[in-house]
C-alpha cells in the first residue's frame, strides 16, 4: 500500500512539473529583424536572409497553441499580401500553402519543443528536375530566445539530390 501511494505521488508530481515546464515556454511574439552586424556590408536594405529561411523584418505571434510567422516577400507593386506560416505547437502537422511563380507550393510542418527551443521541421514537395519523380526536401528551424530582445534561429537544410546538408545561424533583434 505504501509503495502504491509513493507511485501515485510520484506521478502527480511529475505531471505537475510537466505542466509548469509547459507554462514557462518562451513566447517569441514580436517584430524581429537581422542584427546590424548581419545587415552590414550587404549593399543596401536588408530584405531577407537565406540564413533563417524567412525574411527580415518578420513578425511572430504566439498563442498557447499556434505560432505564426509573417513577413513581406513581394515588392509593394506586386500587390501581394505578406507570407504567413502557422505552426501548431502541439507537435501535430500543419500545412501551409504559398503561391509562387509556378503555382501553389505545399509545405508540411511540425513544431516540437526541445527544452526551451522550438524546432520547426518543414517538408517541401517538388518534382525531381530530371525525372519528374516526386521528391521532398526538409528544413529544420530551431528558435531559441537568447534574451528578451535576441532570437537565435538555427536553420538546417537537409541535402537534396546528392547535395550536402547545410546549416546557418541567424541572430534577430526585437524592434
N, C-alpha and C. Protein backbone atom coordinates (compact mmCIF):
# COMPACT_ATOMS: atom_id res chain seq x y z
N UNK A 1 0.82 -1.18 0.00
CA UNK A 1 0.00 0.00 0.00
C UNK A 1 0.87 1.25 0.00
N UNK A 2 1.92 1.22 0.83
CA UNK A 2 2.81 2.37 0.92
C UNK A 2 3.49 2.60 -0.43
N UNK A 3 3.89 1.52 -1.11
CA UNK A 3 4.55 1.61 -2.44
C UNK A 3 3.59 2.22 -3.47
N UNK A 4 2.33 1.81 -3.43
CA UNK A 4 1.33 2.33 -4.37
C UNK A 4 1.13 3.83 -4.14
N UNK A 5 1.08 4.24 -2.88
CA UNK A 5 0.93 5.66 -2.56
C UNK A 5 2.13 6.46 -3.05
N UNK A 6 3.34 5.91 -2.91
CA UNK A 6 4.53 6.58 -3.40
C UNK A 6 4.48 6.75 -4.93
N UNK A 7 3.99 5.75 -5.63
CA UNK A 7 3.86 5.81 -7.09
C UNK A 7 2.86 6.89 -7.50
N UNK A 8 1.74 6.96 -6.81
CA UNK A 8 0.72 7.96 -7.13
C UNK A 8 1.28 9.36 -6.91
N UNK A 9 1.98 9.57 -5.82
CA UNK A 9 2.59 10.87 -5.53
C UNK A 9 3.63 11.22 -6.58
N UNK A 10 4.46 10.25 -6.97
CA UNK A 10 5.49 10.49 -7.98
C UNK A 10 4.88 10.89 -9.31
N UNK A 11 3.82 10.21 -9.72
CA UNK A 11 3.15 10.53 -10.98
C UNK A 11 2.53 11.92 -10.91
N UNK A 12 1.90 12.25 -9.79
CA UNK A 12 1.27 13.56 -9.63
C UNK A 12 2.31 14.67 -9.68
N UNK A 13 3.44 14.48 -9.01
CA UNK A 13 4.50 15.48 -9.01
C UNK A 13 5.09 15.65 -10.40
N UNK A 14 5.35 14.55 -11.10
CA UNK A 14 5.93 14.66 -12.44
C UNK A 14 4.95 15.32 -13.39
N UNK A 15 3.66 15.03 -13.26
CA UNK A 15 2.65 15.69 -14.10
C UNK A 15 2.60 17.18 -13.84
N UNK A 16 2.69 17.56 -12.58
CA UNK A 16 2.70 18.99 -12.24
C UNK A 16 3.97 19.65 -12.78
N UNK A 17 5.09 18.95 -12.71
CA UNK A 17 6.34 19.50 -13.23
C UNK A 17 6.25 19.73 -14.73
N UNK A 18 5.65 18.80 -15.46
CA UNK A 18 5.48 18.96 -16.91
C UNK A 18 4.59 20.14 -17.24
N UNK A 19 3.49 20.32 -16.47
CA UNK A 19 2.61 21.47 -16.71
C UNK A 19 3.33 22.77 -16.44
N UNK A 20 4.13 22.83 -15.38
CA UNK A 20 4.89 24.04 -15.07
C UNK A 20 5.90 24.32 -16.17
N UNK A 21 6.60 23.29 -16.65
CA UNK A 21 7.57 23.47 -17.74
C UNK A 21 6.88 23.99 -18.99
N UNK A 22 5.69 23.45 -19.30
CA UNK A 22 4.97 23.89 -20.49
C UNK A 22 4.53 25.34 -20.34
N UNK A 23 4.17 25.74 -19.13
CA UNK A 23 3.74 27.12 -18.90
C UNK A 23 4.92 28.09 -19.00
N UNK A 24 6.13 27.64 -18.80
CA UNK A 24 7.29 28.50 -18.82
C UNK A 24 7.97 28.55 -20.18
N UNK A 25 7.34 28.01 -21.21
CA UNK A 25 7.90 28.06 -22.56
C UNK A 25 8.06 29.51 -22.97
N UNK A 26 9.11 29.81 -23.72
CA UNK A 26 9.30 31.19 -24.17
C UNK A 26 8.21 31.61 -25.15
N UNK A 27 7.93 32.88 -25.17
CA UNK A 27 6.99 33.45 -26.13
C UNK A 27 7.81 34.26 -27.11
N UNK A 28 7.77 33.88 -28.38
CA UNK A 28 8.57 34.51 -29.43
C UNK A 28 7.88 35.70 -30.06
N UNK A 29 6.71 36.10 -29.57
CA UNK A 29 5.94 37.18 -30.18
C UNK A 29 6.73 38.47 -30.26
N UNK A 30 6.57 39.15 -31.38
CA UNK A 30 7.19 40.45 -31.58
C UNK A 30 7.64 40.64 -33.01
N UNK A 31 8.17 41.81 -33.29
CA UNK A 31 8.74 42.09 -34.60
C UNK A 31 10.25 41.95 -34.47
N UNK A 32 10.84 41.15 -35.34
CA UNK A 32 12.25 40.81 -35.27
C UNK A 32 12.95 41.19 -36.57
N UNK A 33 14.21 41.59 -36.48
CA UNK A 33 14.99 41.95 -37.67
C UNK A 33 16.42 41.47 -37.50
N UNK A 34 17.12 41.34 -38.64
CA UNK A 34 18.54 40.97 -38.61
C UNK A 34 19.29 41.93 -37.72
N UNK A 35 20.31 41.42 -37.04
CA UNK A 35 21.14 42.29 -36.23
C UNK A 35 21.96 43.20 -37.14
N UNK A 36 22.39 44.37 -36.68
CA UNK A 36 23.19 45.27 -37.52
C UNK A 36 24.44 44.59 -38.09
N UNK A 37 25.05 43.68 -37.33
CA UNK A 37 26.25 43.00 -37.81
C UNK A 37 25.95 42.16 -39.05
N UNK A 38 24.80 41.50 -39.06
CA UNK A 38 24.44 40.66 -40.20
C UNK A 38 24.02 41.50 -41.40
N UNK A 39 23.41 42.66 -41.14
CA UNK A 39 22.93 43.51 -42.23
C UNK A 39 24.07 44.31 -42.86
N UNK A 40 25.13 44.56 -42.10
CA UNK A 40 26.23 45.37 -42.61
C UNK A 40 26.90 44.70 -43.80
N UNK A 41 27.28 45.51 -44.77
CA UNK A 41 28.02 45.00 -45.90
C UNK A 41 27.17 44.28 -46.93
N UNK A 42 25.87 44.39 -46.83
CA UNK A 42 25.02 43.69 -47.78
C UNK A 42 24.68 44.56 -48.99
N UNK A 43 25.14 45.81 -48.99
CA UNK A 43 24.92 46.65 -50.15
C UNK A 43 23.49 47.15 -50.29
N UNK A 44 22.87 47.53 -49.23
CA UNK A 44 21.52 48.07 -49.33
C UNK A 44 20.66 47.60 -48.19
N UNK A 45 19.35 47.85 -48.29
CA UNK A 45 18.47 47.47 -47.20
C UNK A 45 18.40 45.96 -47.04
N UNK A 46 18.17 45.53 -45.81
CA UNK A 46 18.05 44.11 -45.53
C UNK A 46 16.66 43.67 -45.93
N UNK A 47 16.57 42.84 -46.96
CA UNK A 47 15.27 42.37 -47.43
C UNK A 47 15.03 40.91 -47.11
N UNK A 48 15.99 40.23 -46.59
CA UNK A 48 15.79 38.83 -46.24
C UNK A 48 17.12 38.15 -46.02
N UNK A 49 17.05 36.95 -45.56
CA UNK A 49 18.25 36.19 -45.33
C UNK A 49 17.96 34.73 -45.59
N UNK A 50 18.79 34.10 -46.36
CA UNK A 50 18.63 32.66 -46.55
C UNK A 50 19.04 31.94 -45.27
N UNK A 51 19.70 32.65 -44.38
CA UNK A 51 20.11 32.03 -43.13
C UNK A 51 18.96 31.43 -42.36
N UNK A 52 17.91 32.21 -42.10
CA UNK A 52 16.79 31.68 -41.33
C UNK A 52 15.74 31.02 -42.21
N UNK A 53 15.73 31.38 -43.48
CA UNK A 53 14.68 30.88 -44.37
C UNK A 53 13.47 31.79 -44.38
N UNK A 54 13.49 32.83 -43.56
CA UNK A 54 12.41 33.81 -43.51
C UNK A 54 12.99 35.18 -43.81
N UNK A 55 12.15 36.11 -44.19
CA UNK A 55 12.59 37.46 -44.48
C UNK A 55 12.83 38.25 -43.21
N UNK A 56 13.31 39.47 -43.40
CA UNK A 56 13.56 40.36 -42.27
C UNK A 56 13.14 41.77 -42.71
N UNK A 57 12.37 42.46 -41.90
CA UNK A 57 11.88 42.04 -40.59
C UNK A 57 10.75 41.03 -40.72
N UNK A 58 10.52 40.32 -39.62
CA UNK A 58 9.41 39.38 -39.57
C UNK A 58 8.64 39.60 -38.28
N UNK A 59 7.38 39.23 -38.32
CA UNK A 59 6.53 39.36 -37.14
C UNK A 59 6.10 37.96 -36.71
N UNK A 60 6.29 37.69 -35.43
CA UNK A 60 5.86 36.42 -34.85
C UNK A 60 4.75 36.70 -33.86
N UNK A 61 3.68 35.94 -33.97
CA UNK A 61 2.63 35.96 -32.96
C UNK A 61 2.51 34.54 -32.42
N UNK A 62 2.28 34.46 -31.13
CA UNK A 62 2.23 33.14 -30.50
C UNK A 62 1.10 33.10 -29.50
N UNK A 63 0.28 32.07 -29.62
CA UNK A 63 -0.74 31.78 -28.62
C UNK A 63 -0.31 30.49 -27.93
N UNK A 64 -1.15 29.99 -27.06
CA UNK A 64 -0.82 28.74 -26.37
C UNK A 64 -0.68 27.58 -27.35
N UNK A 65 -1.41 27.65 -28.49
CA UNK A 65 -1.44 26.51 -29.40
C UNK A 65 -0.84 26.74 -30.78
N UNK A 66 -0.58 27.99 -31.17
CA UNK A 66 -0.12 28.26 -32.54
C UNK A 66 0.95 29.36 -32.55
N UNK A 67 1.97 29.14 -33.39
CA UNK A 67 2.98 30.16 -33.66
C UNK A 67 2.78 30.57 -35.12
N UNK A 68 2.73 31.87 -35.37
CA UNK A 68 2.57 32.38 -36.74
C UNK A 68 3.76 33.27 -37.06
N UNK A 69 4.37 33.04 -38.23
CA UNK A 69 5.48 33.85 -38.72
C UNK A 69 5.00 34.54 -39.98
N UNK A 70 5.19 35.87 -40.03
CA UNK A 70 4.72 36.63 -41.18
C UNK A 70 5.79 37.64 -41.59
N UNK A 71 5.98 37.78 -42.91
CA UNK A 71 6.93 38.77 -43.41
C UNK A 71 6.61 39.15 -44.85
N UNK A 72 7.06 40.33 -45.22
CA UNK A 72 6.88 40.82 -46.59
C UNK A 72 7.88 40.10 -47.48
N UNK A 73 7.42 39.60 -48.61
CA UNK A 73 8.31 38.95 -49.56
C UNK A 73 8.26 39.68 -50.91
N UNK A 74 7.08 40.08 -51.29
CA UNK A 74 6.89 40.71 -52.59
C UNK A 74 7.09 42.21 -52.49
N UNK A 75 7.42 42.83 -53.62
CA UNK A 75 7.55 44.28 -53.68
C UNK A 75 6.15 44.90 -53.60
N UNK A 76 6.08 46.14 -53.16
CA UNK A 76 4.81 46.82 -52.97
C UNK A 76 3.97 46.79 -54.25
N UNK A 77 4.59 46.97 -55.42
CA UNK A 77 3.88 46.98 -56.69
C UNK A 77 3.32 45.63 -57.10
N UNK A 78 3.75 44.56 -56.46
CA UNK A 78 3.23 43.23 -56.79
C UNK A 78 1.81 43.02 -56.27
N UNK A 79 1.40 43.85 -55.35
CA UNK A 79 0.06 43.77 -54.76
C UNK A 79 -0.24 42.40 -54.17
N UNK A 80 0.75 41.82 -53.53
CA UNK A 80 0.61 40.52 -52.88
C UNK A 80 0.66 40.71 -51.37
N UNK A 81 -0.10 39.90 -50.63
CA UNK A 81 -0.05 40.00 -49.17
C UNK A 81 1.27 39.44 -48.64
N UNK A 82 1.60 39.75 -47.38
CA UNK A 82 2.79 39.15 -46.77
C UNK A 82 2.65 37.63 -46.72
N UNK A 83 3.78 36.94 -46.69
CA UNK A 83 3.75 35.49 -46.49
C UNK A 83 3.45 35.22 -45.02
N UNK A 84 2.64 34.22 -44.77
CA UNK A 84 2.24 33.90 -43.41
C UNK A 84 2.26 32.38 -43.24
N UNK A 85 2.92 31.93 -42.19
CA UNK A 85 3.06 30.50 -41.91
C UNK A 85 2.59 30.23 -40.49
N UNK A 86 1.73 29.23 -40.32
CA UNK A 86 1.21 28.86 -39.00
C UNK A 86 1.76 27.48 -38.63
N UNK A 87 2.12 27.34 -37.35
CA UNK A 87 2.67 26.09 -36.85
C UNK A 87 1.96 25.72 -35.55
N UNK A 88 1.36 24.52 -35.50
CA UNK A 88 0.71 24.04 -34.28
C UNK A 88 1.80 23.70 -33.26
N UNK A 89 1.63 24.16 -32.04
CA UNK A 89 2.65 23.94 -31.00
C UNK A 89 2.47 22.63 -30.25
N UNK A 90 1.51 21.82 -30.67
CA UNK A 90 1.30 20.53 -30.00
C UNK A 90 1.99 19.38 -30.73
N UNK A 91 2.80 19.69 -31.76
CA UNK A 91 3.51 18.66 -32.50
C UNK A 91 2.74 18.08 -33.66
N UNK A 92 1.47 18.49 -33.82
CA UNK A 92 0.70 17.96 -34.95
C UNK A 92 1.12 18.65 -36.25
N UNK A 93 0.86 17.98 -37.36
CA UNK A 93 1.27 18.52 -38.66
C UNK A 93 0.37 19.69 -39.06
N UNK A 94 1.00 20.72 -39.60
CA UNK A 94 0.27 21.84 -40.19
C UNK A 94 0.69 21.94 -41.64
N UNK A 95 -0.22 22.39 -42.47
CA UNK A 95 0.08 22.56 -43.89
C UNK A 95 -0.09 24.03 -44.23
N UNK A 96 0.97 24.60 -44.79
CA UNK A 96 0.94 25.98 -45.28
C UNK A 96 1.08 25.93 -46.79
N UNK A 97 0.35 26.78 -47.48
CA UNK A 97 0.48 26.86 -48.93
C UNK A 97 0.91 28.26 -49.31
N UNK A 98 1.78 28.32 -50.31
CA UNK A 98 2.31 29.59 -50.78
C UNK A 98 2.15 29.62 -52.29
N UNK A 99 1.66 30.73 -52.82
CA UNK A 99 1.52 30.89 -54.26
C UNK A 99 2.78 31.58 -54.78
N UNK A 100 3.61 30.79 -55.44
CA UNK A 100 4.86 31.31 -56.02
C UNK A 100 4.91 30.93 -57.49
N UNK A 101 5.44 31.80 -58.32
CA UNK A 101 5.66 31.61 -59.74
C UNK A 101 4.98 30.47 -60.45
N UNK A 102 5.27 29.26 -60.09
CA UNK A 102 4.75 28.08 -60.80
C UNK A 102 3.57 27.44 -60.10
N UNK A 103 2.82 28.21 -59.41
CA UNK A 103 1.63 27.68 -58.75
C UNK A 103 1.80 27.53 -57.26
N UNK A 104 0.87 26.84 -56.66
CA UNK A 104 0.84 26.69 -55.21
C UNK A 104 1.88 25.66 -54.76
N UNK A 105 2.61 26.04 -53.72
CA UNK A 105 3.56 25.13 -53.09
C UNK A 105 3.02 24.77 -51.71
N UNK A 106 3.01 23.47 -51.44
CA UNK A 106 2.51 22.98 -50.16
C UNK A 106 3.69 22.61 -49.27
N UNK A 107 3.60 23.03 -48.02
CA UNK A 107 4.65 22.73 -47.04
C UNK A 107 3.99 22.06 -45.82
N UNK A 108 4.53 20.90 -45.42
CA UNK A 108 4.03 20.21 -44.24
C UNK A 108 5.03 20.44 -43.11
N UNK A 109 4.53 20.93 -41.99
CA UNK A 109 5.43 21.26 -40.87
C UNK A 109 4.95 20.65 -39.57
N UNK A 110 5.91 20.38 -38.70
CA UNK A 110 5.63 20.05 -37.30
C UNK A 110 6.51 20.93 -36.44
N UNK A 111 6.00 21.33 -35.31
CA UNK A 111 6.75 22.14 -34.36
C UNK A 111 6.76 21.40 -33.02
N UNK A 112 7.96 21.16 -32.50
CA UNK A 112 8.09 20.43 -31.24
C UNK A 112 9.07 21.15 -30.33
N UNK A 113 8.79 21.12 -29.05
CA UNK A 113 9.68 21.74 -28.07
C UNK A 113 10.80 20.78 -27.73
N UNK A 114 12.01 21.32 -27.66
CA UNK A 114 13.18 20.61 -27.16
C UNK A 114 13.72 21.50 -26.05
N UNK A 115 13.22 21.29 -24.84
CA UNK A 115 13.52 22.21 -23.75
C UNK A 115 12.85 23.54 -24.05
N UNK A 116 13.61 24.64 -24.06
CA UNK A 116 13.06 25.96 -24.37
C UNK A 116 13.31 26.36 -25.82
N UNK A 117 13.71 25.40 -26.64
CA UNK A 117 13.91 25.66 -28.07
C UNK A 117 12.75 25.04 -28.83
N UNK A 118 12.19 25.81 -29.76
CA UNK A 118 11.12 25.30 -30.61
C UNK A 118 11.75 24.89 -31.94
N UNK A 119 11.58 23.62 -32.30
CA UNK A 119 12.15 23.09 -33.54
C UNK A 119 11.01 22.87 -34.54
N UNK A 120 11.07 23.61 -35.64
CA UNK A 120 10.07 23.51 -36.70
C UNK A 120 10.70 22.72 -37.85
N UNK A 121 10.10 21.60 -38.19
CA UNK A 121 10.58 20.77 -39.30
C UNK A 121 9.57 20.89 -40.43
N UNK A 122 10.05 21.32 -41.59
CA UNK A 122 9.18 21.55 -42.74
C UNK A 122 9.64 20.72 -43.93
N UNK A 123 8.69 20.05 -44.55
CA UNK A 123 8.98 19.26 -45.75
C UNK A 123 8.33 19.95 -46.94
N UNK A 124 9.14 20.13 -47.98
CA UNK A 124 8.71 20.78 -49.22
C UNK A 124 8.68 19.73 -50.32
N UNK A 125 7.54 19.56 -50.97
CA UNK A 125 7.43 18.62 -52.08
C UNK A 125 7.82 19.34 -53.38
N UNK A 126 8.54 18.64 -54.25
CA UNK A 126 8.85 19.19 -55.57
C UNK A 126 9.14 18.04 -56.51
N UNK A 127 9.12 18.34 -57.80
CA UNK A 127 9.39 17.31 -58.80
C UNK A 127 10.89 17.28 -59.10
N UNK A 128 11.46 16.08 -59.15
CA UNK A 128 12.88 15.92 -59.49
C UNK A 128 13.10 16.59 -60.84
N UNK A 129 14.12 17.45 -60.97
CA UNK A 129 14.30 18.22 -62.20
C UNK A 129 14.58 17.38 -63.45
N UNK A 130 15.12 16.19 -63.28
CA UNK A 130 15.43 15.34 -64.44
C UNK A 130 14.36 14.31 -64.71
N UNK A 131 13.92 13.64 -63.65
CA UNK A 131 12.99 12.52 -63.83
C UNK A 131 11.53 12.91 -63.63
N UNK A 132 11.30 14.01 -62.94
CA UNK A 132 9.93 14.42 -62.63
C UNK A 132 9.33 13.66 -61.46
N UNK A 133 10.09 12.75 -60.87
CA UNK A 133 9.59 11.96 -59.74
C UNK A 133 9.35 12.86 -58.53
N UNK A 134 8.32 12.55 -57.75
CA UNK A 134 8.08 13.34 -56.53
C UNK A 134 9.30 13.25 -55.59
N UNK A 135 9.73 14.40 -55.11
CA UNK A 135 10.90 14.49 -54.25
C UNK A 135 10.56 15.42 -53.07
N UNK A 136 11.24 15.23 -51.96
CA UNK A 136 10.98 16.03 -50.76
C UNK A 136 12.29 16.61 -50.26
N UNK A 137 12.24 17.88 -49.87
CA UNK A 137 13.37 18.47 -49.15
C UNK A 137 12.90 18.81 -47.75
N UNK A 138 13.83 18.85 -46.81
CA UNK A 138 13.49 19.10 -45.41
C UNK A 138 14.33 20.23 -44.85
N UNK A 139 13.66 21.12 -44.13
CA UNK A 139 14.33 22.23 -43.45
C UNK A 139 13.93 22.20 -41.98
N UNK A 140 14.91 22.39 -41.09
CA UNK A 140 14.63 22.48 -39.65
C UNK A 140 15.08 23.85 -39.16
N UNK A 141 14.18 24.52 -38.46
CA UNK A 141 14.50 25.83 -37.87
C UNK A 141 14.31 25.71 -36.37
N UNK A 142 15.38 25.96 -35.63
CA UNK A 142 15.35 25.89 -34.16
C UNK A 142 15.37 27.31 -33.62
N UNK A 143 14.30 27.70 -32.94
CA UNK A 143 14.16 29.05 -32.39
C UNK A 143 14.47 29.03 -30.90
N UNK A 144 15.40 29.88 -30.48
CA UNK A 144 15.79 29.97 -29.08
C UNK A 144 15.90 31.44 -28.70
N UNK A 145 15.22 31.83 -27.62
CA UNK A 145 15.39 33.19 -27.10
C UNK A 145 16.69 33.23 -26.29
N UNK A 146 17.64 34.02 -26.77
CA UNK A 146 18.89 34.16 -26.01
C UNK A 146 18.73 35.22 -24.92
N UNK A 147 17.81 36.16 -25.14
CA UNK A 147 17.45 37.17 -24.16
C UNK A 147 16.07 37.67 -24.58
N UNK A 148 15.43 38.53 -23.80
CA UNK A 148 14.12 39.02 -24.21
C UNK A 148 14.14 39.78 -25.55
N UNK A 149 15.31 40.24 -25.98
CA UNK A 149 15.40 41.01 -27.23
C UNK A 149 16.28 40.35 -28.29
N UNK A 150 16.71 39.11 -28.07
CA UNK A 150 17.58 38.42 -29.03
C UNK A 150 17.04 37.02 -29.31
N UNK A 151 16.77 36.76 -30.60
CA UNK A 151 16.25 35.48 -31.04
C UNK A 151 17.26 34.82 -31.96
N UNK A 152 17.66 33.60 -31.62
CA UNK A 152 18.57 32.82 -32.45
C UNK A 152 17.74 31.83 -33.26
N UNK A 153 17.94 31.83 -34.59
CA UNK A 153 17.30 30.85 -35.47
C UNK A 153 18.41 30.03 -36.11
N UNK A 154 18.49 28.76 -35.74
CA UNK A 154 19.47 27.85 -36.34
C UNK A 154 18.74 27.02 -37.39
N UNK A 155 19.16 27.18 -38.64
CA UNK A 155 18.47 26.55 -39.76
C UNK A 155 19.34 25.47 -40.38
N UNK A 156 18.75 24.28 -40.55
CA UNK A 156 19.43 23.17 -41.20
C UNK A 156 18.62 22.77 -42.42
N UNK A 157 19.27 22.77 -43.57
CA UNK A 157 18.64 22.30 -44.81
C UNK A 157 19.27 20.96 -45.16
N UNK A 158 18.46 19.90 -45.07
CA UNK A 158 18.96 18.55 -45.33
C UNK A 158 19.29 18.45 -46.82
N UNK A 159 20.45 17.85 -47.14
CA UNK A 159 20.89 17.73 -48.53
C UNK A 159 19.85 17.07 -49.42
N UNK A 160 19.73 17.58 -50.64
CA UNK A 160 18.77 17.07 -51.62
C UNK A 160 19.50 16.80 -52.92
N UNK A 161 19.08 15.78 -53.64
CA UNK A 161 19.63 15.45 -54.96
C UNK A 161 21.14 15.28 -54.92
N UNK A 162 21.63 14.68 -53.84
CA UNK A 162 23.06 14.42 -53.70
C UNK A 162 23.85 15.57 -53.12
N UNK A 163 23.20 16.69 -52.84
CA UNK A 163 23.91 17.84 -52.27
C UNK A 163 24.13 17.67 -50.78
N UNK A 164 25.04 18.46 -50.22
CA UNK A 164 25.33 18.35 -48.78
C UNK A 164 24.27 19.05 -47.93
N UNK A 165 24.16 18.63 -46.70
CA UNK A 165 23.33 19.33 -45.73
C UNK A 165 24.03 20.63 -45.37
N UNK A 166 23.26 21.71 -45.21
CA UNK A 166 23.85 22.99 -44.84
C UNK A 166 23.18 23.50 -43.56
N UNK A 167 23.92 24.29 -42.81
CA UNK A 167 23.40 24.85 -41.57
C UNK A 167 23.84 26.30 -41.45
N UNK A 168 23.00 27.10 -40.82
CA UNK A 168 23.33 28.51 -40.59
C UNK A 168 22.69 28.98 -39.29
N UNK A 169 23.22 30.04 -38.76
CA UNK A 169 22.67 30.67 -37.55
C UNK A 169 22.37 32.12 -37.88
N UNK A 170 21.17 32.55 -37.51
CA UNK A 170 20.76 33.93 -37.73
C UNK A 170 20.33 34.51 -36.38
N UNK A 171 20.88 35.66 -36.04
CA UNK A 171 20.50 36.33 -34.80
C UNK A 171 19.59 37.50 -35.18
N UNK A 172 18.41 37.52 -34.58
CA UNK A 172 17.44 38.58 -34.82
C UNK A 172 17.27 39.39 -33.54
N UNK A 173 17.05 40.69 -33.68
CA UNK A 173 16.81 41.53 -32.52
C UNK A 173 15.39 42.05 -32.58
N UNK A 174 14.82 42.23 -31.39
CA UNK A 174 13.45 42.71 -31.29
C UNK A 174 13.44 44.20 -31.57
N UNK A 175 12.48 44.60 -32.38
CA UNK A 175 12.35 46.02 -32.73
C UNK A 175 11.43 46.73 -31.79
